[in-house]
């Protein structure tokens, strides 16, 4: 009497590993993008509006040129360094 043994399909572990690797890569990429967005949004200086700074003796103006370089106009060195720092 012969017993029929079903043929086993070849294991395809590489597909499973590739899908897991791809999923982990996507999760890491999204994590890096979110972290970069949070870091950059918090580290940029305020460039519009007015800020009240205690300790100033005279008004100080800060103007940025087309390249984004700030130019500080102050009546005294004290006010200049206070506005700069």
PDB file of N, CA and C in Angstrom:
ATOM      1  N   UNK A   1       0.827  -1.155   0.000  1.00  0.00           N
ATOM      2  CA  UNK A   1       0.000   0.000   0.000  1.00  0.00           C
ATOM      3  C   UNK A   1       0.889   1.243   0.000  1.00  0.00           C
ATOM      4  N   UNK A   2       0.577   2.111  -0.899  1.00  0.00           N
ATOM      5  CA  UNK A   2       1.347   3.351  -1.040  1.00  0.00           C
ATOM      6  C   UNK A   2       0.640   4.491  -0.320  1.00  0.00           C
ATOM      7  N   UNK A   3       1.450   5.293   0.344  1.00  0.00           N
ATOM      8  CA  UNK A   3       0.909   6.459   1.041  1.00  0.00           C
ATOM      9  C   UNK A   3       1.309   7.692   0.237  1.00  0.00           C
ATOM     10  N   UNK A   4       0.324   8.492  -0.063  1.00  0.00           N
ATOM     11  CA  UNK A   4       0.595   9.710  -0.832  1.00  0.00           C
ATOM     12  C   UNK A   4       1.099  10.800   0.119  1.00  0.00           C
ATOM     13  N   UNK A   5       2.289  11.282  -0.147  1.00  0.00           N
ATOM     14  CA  UNK A   5       2.868  12.349   0.663  1.00  0.00           C
ATOM     15  C   UNK A   5       2.713  13.649  -0.121  1.00  0.00           C
ATOM     16  N   UNK A   6       2.004  14.596   0.473  1.00  0.00           N
ATOM     17  CA  UNK A   6       1.842  15.857  -0.265  1.00  0.00           C
ATOM     18  C   UNK A   6       3.185  16.575  -0.391  1.00  0.00           C
ATOM     19  N   UNK A   7       3.375  17.171  -1.546  1.00  0.00           N
ATOM     20  CA  UNK A   7       4.616  17.904  -1.768  1.00  0.00           C
ATOM     21  C   UNK A   7       4.553  19.232  -1.021  1.00  0.00           C
ATOM     22  N   UNK A   8       5.653  19.555  -0.383  1.00  0.00           N
ATOM     23  CA  UNK A   8       5.717  20.821   0.337  1.00  0.00           C
ATOM     24  C   UNK A   8       6.181  21.910  -0.617  1.00  0.00           C
ATOM     25  N   UNK A   9       5.550  23.066  -0.462  1.00  0.00           N
ATOM     26  CA  UNK A   9       5.964  24.208  -1.271  1.00  0.00           C
ATOM     27  C   UNK A   9       7.288  24.718  -0.733  1.00  0.00           C
ATOM     28  N   UNK A  10       8.126  25.212  -1.607  1.00  0.00           N
ATOM     29  CA  UNK A  10       9.394  25.762  -1.113  1.00  0.00           C
ATOM     30  C   UNK A  10       9.121  26.961  -0.201  1.00  0.00           C
ATOM     31  N   UNK A  11       9.851  27.033   0.877  1.00  0.00           N
ATOM     32  CA  UNK A  11       9.644  28.121   1.826  1.00  0.00           C
ATOM     33  C   UNK A  11      10.135  29.429   1.215  1.00  0.00           C
ATOM     34  N   UNK A  12       9.359  30.425   1.462  1.00  0.00           N
ATOM     35  CA  UNK A  12       9.701  31.744   0.898  1.00  0.00           C
ATOM     36  C   UNK A  12       9.943  32.729   2.029  1.00  0.00           C
ATOM     37  N   UNK A  13      10.944  32.457   2.782  1.00  0.00           N
ATOM     38  CA  UNK A  13      11.280  33.324   3.911  1.00  0.00           C
ATOM     39  C   UNK A  13      11.780  34.679   3.446  1.00  0.00           C
ATOM     40  N   UNK A  14      12.386  34.717   2.300  1.00  0.00           N
ATOM     41  CA  UNK A  14      12.956  35.983   1.829  1.00  0.00           C
ATOM     42  C   UNK A  14      11.868  37.010   1.585  1.00  0.00           C
ATOM     43  N   UNK A  15      10.675  36.576   1.160  1.00  0.00           N
ATOM     44  CA  UNK A  15       9.584  37.539   0.952  1.00  0.00           C
ATOM     45  C   UNK A  15       9.126  38.123   2.273  1.00  0.00           C
ATOM     46  N   UNK A  16       8.988  37.251   3.260  1.00  0.00           N
ATOM     47  CA  UNK A  16       8.557  37.716   4.570  1.00  0.00           C
ATOM     48  C   UNK A  16       9.593  38.673   5.166  1.00  0.00           C
ATOM     49  N   UNK A  17      10.851  38.312   5.046  1.00  0.00           N
ATOM     50  CA  UNK A  17      11.908  39.184   5.553  1.00  0.00           C
ATOM     51  C   UNK A  17      11.949  40.516   4.799  1.00  0.00           C
ATOM     52  N   UNK A  18      11.751  40.458   3.508  1.00  0.00           N
ATOM     53  CA  UNK A  18      11.766  41.683   2.706  1.00  0.00           C
ATOM     54  C   UNK A  18      10.613  42.600   3.106  1.00  0.00           C
ATOM     55  N   UNK A  19       9.432  42.038   3.331  1.00  0.00           N
ATOM     56  CA  UNK A  19       8.286  42.856   3.743  1.00  0.00           C
ATOM     57  C   UNK A  19       8.520  43.468   5.123  1.00  0.00           C
ATOM     58  N   UNK A  20       9.046  42.690   6.057  1.00  0.00           N
ATOM     59  CA  UNK A  20       9.351  43.219   7.376  1.00  0.00           C
ATOM     60  C   UNK A  20      10.410  44.322   7.296  1.00  0.00           C
ATOM     61  N   UNK A  21      11.429  44.095   6.513  1.00  0.00           N
ATOM     62  CA  UNK A  21      12.490  45.098   6.360  1.00  0.00           C
ATOM     63  C   UNK A  21      11.949  46.377   5.743  1.00  0.00           C
ATOM     64  N   UNK A  22      11.104  46.229   4.739  1.00  0.00           N
ATOM     65  CA  UNK A  22      10.509  47.396   4.088  1.00  0.00           C
ATOM     66  C   UNK A  22       9.611  48.153   5.064  1.00  0.00           C
ATOM     67  N   UNK A  23       8.834  47.437   5.847  1.00  0.00           N
ATOM     68  CA  UNK A  23       7.969  48.074   6.835  1.00  0.00           C
ATOM     69  C   UNK A  23       8.761  48.822   7.890  1.00  0.00           C
ATOM     70  N   UNK A  24       9.818  48.204   8.381  1.00  0.00           N
ATOM     71  CA  UNK A  24      10.658  48.859   9.379  1.00  0.00           C
ATOM     72  C   UNK A  24      11.342  50.089   8.789  1.00  0.00           C
ATOM     73  N   UNK A  25      11.781  49.987   7.546  1.00  0.00           N
ATOM     74  CA  UNK A  25      12.407  51.127   6.880  1.00  0.00           C
ATOM     75  C   UNK A  25      11.428  52.295   6.739  1.00  0.00           C
ATOM     76  N   UNK A  26      10.200  51.998   6.374  1.00  0.00           N
ATOM     77  CA  UNK A  26       9.187  53.055   6.237  1.00  0.00           C
ATOM     78  C   UNK A  26       8.903  53.707   7.591  1.00  0.00           C
ATOM     79  N   UNK A  27       8.790  52.899   8.639  1.00  0.00           N
ATOM     80  CA  UNK A  27       8.538  53.440   9.972  1.00  0.00           C
ATOM     81  C   UNK A  27       9.698  54.323  10.425  1.00  0.00           C
ATOM     82  N   UNK A  28      10.924  53.883  10.200  1.00  0.00           N
ATOM     83  CA  UNK A  28      12.082  54.696  10.567  1.00  0.00           C
ATOM     84  C   UNK A  28      12.142  56.001   9.783  1.00  0.00           C
ATOM     85  N   UNK A  29      11.851  55.933   8.504  1.00  0.00           N
ATOM     86  CA  UNK A  29      11.859  57.130   7.670  1.00  0.00           C
ATOM     87  C   UNK A  29      10.805  58.135   8.135  1.00  0.00           C
ATOM     88  N   UNK A  30       9.607  57.648   8.436  1.00  0.00           N
ATOM     89  CA  UNK A  30       8.560  58.547   8.929  1.00  0.00           C
ATOM     90  C   UNK A  30       8.941  59.143  10.281  1.00  0.00           C
ATOM     91  N   UNK A  31       9.553  58.348  11.139  1.00  0.00           N
ATOM     92  CA  UNK A  31       9.983  58.854  12.447  1.00  0.00           C
ATOM     93  C   UNK A  31      11.023  59.957  12.299  1.00  0.00           C
ATOM     94  N   UNK A  32      11.965  59.772  11.399  1.00  0.00           N
ATOM     95  CA  UNK A  32      12.995  60.787  11.173  1.00  0.00           C
ATOM     96  C   UNK A  32      12.375  62.064  10.608  1.00  0.00           C
ATOM     97  N   UNK A  33      11.445  61.933   9.682  1.00  0.00           N
ATOM     98  CA  UNK A  33      10.800  63.114   9.104  1.00  0.00           C
ATOM     99  C   UNK A  33       9.998  63.876  10.152  1.00  0.00           C
ATOM    100  N   UNK A  34       9.274  63.172  11.001  1.00  0.00           N
ATOM    101  CA  UNK A  34       8.487  63.829  12.041  1.00  0.00           C
ATOM    102  C   UNK A  34       9.411  64.512  13.043  1.00  0.00           C
ATOM    103  N   UNK A  35      10.471  63.831  13.451  1.00  0.00           N
ATOM    104  CA  UNK A  35      11.413  64.423  14.409  1.00  0.00           C
ATOM    105  C   UNK A  35      12.090  65.660  13.822  1.00  0.00           C
ATOM    106  N   UNK A  36      12.465  65.606  12.553  1.00  0.00           N
ATOM    107  CA  UNK A  36      13.098  66.762  11.906  1.00  0.00           C
ATOM    108  C   UNK A  36      12.129  67.928  11.829  1.00  0.00           C
ATOM    109  N   UNK A  37      10.877  67.650  11.525  1.00  0.00           N
ATOM    110  CA  UNK A  37       9.878  68.707  11.439  1.00  0.00           C
ATOM    111  C   UNK A  37       9.665  69.367  12.795  1.00  0.00           C
ATOM    112  N   UNK A  38       9.577  68.575  13.854  1.00  0.00           N
ATOM    113  CA  UNK A  38       9.396  69.126  15.193  1.00  0.00           C
ATOM    114  C   UNK A  38      10.624  69.935  15.598  1.00  0.00           C
ATOM    115  N   UNK A  39      11.818  69.399  15.346  1.00  0.00           N
ATOM    116  CA  UNK A  39      13.045  70.098  15.716  1.00  0.00           C
ATOM    117  C   UNK A  39      13.183  71.414  14.973  1.00  0.00           C
ATOM    118  N   UNK A  40      12.948  71.411  13.675  1.00  0.00           N
ATOM    119  CA  UNK A  40      13.111  72.631  12.887  1.00  0.00           C
ATOM    120  C   UNK A  40      12.066  73.676  13.220  1.00  0.00           C
ATOM    121  N   UNK A  41      10.852  73.259  13.492  1.00  0.00           N
ATOM    122  CA  UNK A  41       9.815  74.247  13.787  1.00  0.00           C
ATOM    123  C   UNK A  41      10.068  74.918  15.135  1.00  0.00           C
ATOM    124  N   UNK A  42      10.747  74.238  16.054  1.00  0.00           N
ATOM    125  CA  UNK A  42      11.028  74.827  17.356  1.00  0.00           C
ATOM    126  C   UNK A  42      12.321  75.632  17.363  1.00  0.00           C
ATOM    127  N   UNK A  43      13.227  75.372  16.448  1.00  0.00           N
ATOM    128  CA  UNK A  43      14.536  76.013  16.508  1.00  0.00           C
ATOM    129  C   UNK A  43      14.634  77.280  15.662  1.00  0.00           C
ATOM    130  N   UNK A  44      13.636  77.571  14.862  1.00  0.00           N
ATOM    131  CA  UNK A  44      13.696  78.767  14.029  1.00  0.00           C
ATOM    132  C   UNK A  44      13.334  80.003  14.841  1.00  0.00           C
ATOM    133  N   UNK A  45      14.022  81.111  14.609  1.00  0.00           N
ATOM    134  CA  UNK A  45      13.732  82.329  15.369  1.00  0.00           C
ATOM    135  C   UNK A  45      12.452  83.006  14.879  1.00  0.00           C
ATOM    136  N   UNK A  46      11.894  83.813  15.751  1.00  0.00           N
ATOM    137  CA  UNK A  46      10.721  84.623  15.399  1.00  0.00           C
ATOM    138  C   UNK A  46      11.206  85.770  14.521  1.00  0.00           C
ATOM    139  N   UNK A  47      10.657  85.900  13.321  1.00  0.00           N
ATOM    140  CA  UNK A  47      11.140  86.928  12.396  1.00  0.00           C
ATOM    141  C   UNK A  47      10.100  87.988  12.071  1.00  0.00           C
ATOM    142  N   UNK A  48       8.907  87.840  12.558  1.00  0.00           N
ATOM    143  CA  UNK A  48       7.864  88.834  12.273  1.00  0.00           C
ATOM    144  C   UNK A  48       7.266  89.338  13.581  1.00  0.00           C
ATOM    145  N   UNK A  49       6.805  90.568  13.557  1.00  0.00           N
ATOM    146  CA  UNK A  49       6.133  91.122  14.725  1.00  0.00           C
ATOM    147  C   UNK A  49       7.083  91.862  15.650  1.00  0.00           C
ATOM    148  N   UNK A  50       6.551  92.205  16.815  1.00  0.00           N
ATOM    149  CA  UNK A  50       7.322  92.947  17.807  1.00  0.00           C
ATOM    150  C   UNK A  50       7.479  92.094  19.056  1.00  0.00           C
ATOM    151  N   UNK A  51       8.631  92.253  19.701  1.00  0.00           N
ATOM    152  CA  UNK A  51       8.911  91.526  20.931  1.00  0.00           C
ATOM    153  C   UNK A  51       9.287  92.556  21.986  1.00  0.00           C
ATOM    154  N   UNK A  52       8.702  92.444  23.141  1.00  0.00           N
ATOM    155  CA  UNK A  52       9.038  93.321  24.258  1.00  0.00           C
ATOM    156  C   UNK A  52      10.179  92.688  25.033  1.00  0.00           C
ATOM    157  N   UNK A  53      11.278  93.425  25.157  1.00  0.00           N
ATOM    158  CA  UNK A  53      12.465  92.903  25.832  1.00  0.00           C
ATOM    159  C   UNK A  53      12.788  93.794  27.026  1.00  0.00           C
ATOM    160  N   UNK A  54      12.598  93.289  28.239  1.00  0.00           N
ATOM    161  CA  UNK A  54      12.905  94.122  29.407  1.00  0.00           C
ATOM    162  C   UNK A  54      14.399  94.414  29.499  1.00  0.00           C
ATOM    163  N   UNK A  55      14.722  95.614  29.877  1.00  0.00           N
ATOM    164  CA  UNK A  55      16.123  95.998  30.017  1.00  0.00           C
ATOM    165  C   UNK A  55      16.614  96.927  28.918  1.00  0.00           C
ATOM    166  N   UNK A  56      15.827  97.099  27.871  1.00  0.00           N
ATOM    167  CA  UNK A  56      16.240  98.018  26.799  1.00  0.00           C
ATOM    168  C   UNK A  56      16.057  99.458  27.260  1.00  0.00           C
ATOM    169  N   UNK A  57      17.037 100.308  26.926  1.00  0.00           N
ATOM    170  CA  UNK A  57      16.954 101.720  27.274  1.00  0.00           C
ATOM    171  C   UNK A  57      16.280 102.521  26.168  1.00  0.00           C
ATOM    172  N   UNK A  58      16.493 102.147  24.920  1.00  0.00           N
ATOM    173  CA  UNK A  58      15.921 102.815  23.742  1.00  0.00           C
ATOM    174  C   UNK A  58      15.337 101.751  22.814  1.00  0.00           C
ATOM    175  N   UNK A  59      14.468 102.138  21.889  1.00  0.00           N
ATOM    176  CA  UNK A  59      13.944 101.152  20.929  1.00  0.00           C
ATOM    177  C   UNK A  59      15.049 100.602  20.020  1.00  0.00           C
ATOM    178  N   UNK A  60      14.922  99.340  19.680  1.00  0.00           N
ATOM    179  CA  UNK A  60      15.873  98.653  18.810  1.00  0.00           C
ATOM    180  C   UNK A  60      15.092  98.060  17.640  1.00  0.00           C
ATOM    181  N   UNK A  61      15.649  98.194  16.427  1.00  0.00           N
ATOM    182  CA  UNK A  61      15.006  97.588  15.257  1.00  0.00           C
ATOM    183  C   UNK A  61      15.936  96.513  14.681  1.00  0.00           C
ATOM    184  N   UNK A  62      15.316  95.420  14.286  1.00  0.00           N
ATOM    185  CA  UNK A  62      16.046  94.331  13.635  1.00  0.00           C
ATOM    186  C   UNK A  62      15.391  94.109  12.284  1.00  0.00           C
ATOM    187  N   UNK A  63      16.171  94.293  11.226  1.00  0.00           N
ATOM    188  CA  UNK A  63      15.672  94.155   9.858  1.00  0.00           C
ATOM    189  C   UNK A  63      16.476  93.066   9.171  1.00  0.00           C
ATOM    190  N   UNK A  64      15.811  92.207   8.439  1.00  0.00           N
ATOM    191  CA  UNK A  64      16.513  91.152   7.689  1.00  0.00           C
ATOM    192  C   UNK A  64      16.567  91.530   6.214  1.00  0.00           C
ATOM    193  N   UNK A  65      17.725  91.304   5.608  1.00  0.00           N
ATOM    194  CA  UNK A  65      17.849  91.582   4.175  1.00  0.00           C
ATOM    195  C   UNK A  65      17.312  90.406   3.365  1.00  0.00           C
ATOM    196  N   UNK A  66      17.472  90.461   2.054  1.00  0.00           N
ATOM    197  CA  UNK A  66      16.906  89.429   1.178  1.00  0.00           C
ATOM    198  C   UNK A  66      17.536  88.054   1.404  1.00  0.00           C
ATOM    199  N   UNK A  67      18.726  88.017   1.988  1.00  0.00           N
ATOM    200  CA  UNK A  67      19.387  86.741   2.284  1.00  0.00           C
ATOM    201  C   UNK A  67      19.055  86.221   3.673  1.00  0.00           C
ATOM    202  N   UNK A  68      18.292  86.999   4.445  1.00  0.00           N
ATOM    203  CA  UNK A  68      17.920  86.574   5.784  1.00  0.00           C
ATOM    204  C   UNK A  68      18.897  86.998   6.860  1.00  0.00           C
ATOM    205  N   UNK A  69      19.880  87.829   6.504  1.00  0.00           N
ATOM    206  CA  UNK A  69      20.881  88.291   7.475  1.00  0.00           C
ATOM    207  C   UNK A  69      20.276  89.428   8.295  1.00  0.00           C
ATOM    208  N   UNK A  70      20.287  89.317   9.634  1.00  0.00           N
ATOM    209  CA  UNK A  70      19.706  90.389  10.452  1.00  0.00           C
ATOM    210  C   UNK A  70      20.650  91.583  10.580  1.00  0.00           C
ATOM    211  N   UNK A  71      20.061  92.770  10.550  1.00  0.00           N
ATOM    212  CA  UNK A  71      20.786  94.021  10.756  1.00  0.00           C
ATOM    213  C   UNK A  71      20.121  94.711  11.941  1.00  0.00           C
ATOM    214  N   UNK A  72      20.897  94.960  12.998  1.00  0.00           N
ATOM    215  CA  UNK A  72      20.360  95.511  14.243  1.00  0.00           C
ATOM    216  C   UNK A  72      20.747  96.983  14.344  1.00  0.00           C
ATOM    217  N   UNK A  73      19.743  97.831  14.561  1.00  0.00           N
ATOM    218  CA  UNK A  73      19.962  99.265  14.762  1.00  0.00           C
ATOM    219  C   UNK A  73      19.577  99.596  16.199  1.00  0.00           C
ATOM    220  N   UNK A  74      20.554 100.069  16.975  1.00  0.00           N
ATOM    221  CA  UNK A  74      20.314 100.404  18.375  1.00  0.00           C
ATOM    222  C   UNK A  74      21.006 101.711  18.712  1.00  0.00           C
ATOM    223  N   UNK A  75      20.497 102.399  19.745  1.00  0.00           N
ATOM    224  CA  UNK A  75      21.059 103.677  20.154  1.00  0.00           C
ATOM    225  C   UNK A  75      22.334 103.504  20.981  1.00  0.00           C
ATOM    226  N   UNK A  76      22.492 102.383  21.662  1.00  0.00           N
ATOM    227  CA  UNK A  76      23.681 102.178  22.487  1.00  0.00           C
ATOM    228  C   UNK A  76      24.170 100.740  22.340  1.00  0.00           C
ATOM    229  N   UNK A  77      25.423 100.535  22.764  1.00  0.00           N
ATOM    230  CA  UNK A  77      25.984  99.189  22.719  1.00  0.00           C
ATOM    231  C   UNK A  77      25.227  98.248  23.651  1.00  0.00           C
ATOM    232  N   UNK A  78      24.799  98.767  24.782  1.00  0.00           N
ATOM    233  CA  UNK A  78      24.034  97.959  25.739  1.00  0.00           C
ATOM    234  C   UNK A  78      22.791  97.391  25.066  1.00  0.00           C
ATOM    235  N   UNK A  79      22.034  98.267  24.396  1.00  0.00           N
ATOM    236  CA  UNK A  79      20.818  97.811  23.719  1.00  0.00           C
ATOM    237  C   UNK A  79      21.136  96.858  22.566  1.00  0.00           C
ATOM    238  N   UNK A  80      22.244  97.133  21.846  1.00  0.00           N
ATOM    239  CA  UNK A  80      22.647  96.279  20.737  1.00  0.00           C
ATOM    240  C   UNK A  80      22.942  94.857  21.213  1.00  0.00           C
ATOM    241  N   UNK A  81      23.743  94.734  22.270  1.00  0.00           N
ATOM    242  CA  UNK A  81      24.104  93.400  22.762  1.00  0.00           C
ATOM    243  C   UNK A  81      22.920  92.692  23.395  1.00  0.00           C
ATOM    244  N   UNK A  82      22.050  93.454  24.037  1.00  0.00           N
ATOM    245  CA  UNK A  82      20.856  92.848  24.636  1.00  0.00           C
ATOM    246  C   UNK A  82      19.926  92.298  23.559  1.00  0.00           C
ATOM    247  N   UNK A  83      19.760  93.056  22.478  1.00  0.00           N
ATOM    248  CA  UNK A  83      18.897  92.596  21.377  1.00  0.00           C
ATOM    249  C   UNK A  83      19.522  91.432  20.625  1.00  0.00           C
ATOM    250  N   UNK A  84      20.832  91.417  20.510  1.00  0.00           N
ATOM    251  CA  UNK A  84      21.525  90.359  19.793  1.00  0.00           C
ATOM    252  C   UNK A  84      21.466  89.036  20.552  1.00  0.00           C
ATOM    253  N   UNK A  85      21.585  89.094  21.857  1.00  0.00           N
ATOM    254  CA  UNK A  85      21.655  87.871  22.652  1.00  0.00           C
ATOM    255  C   UNK A  85      20.333  87.319  22.987  1.00  0.00           C
TER     256      UNK A  85
END
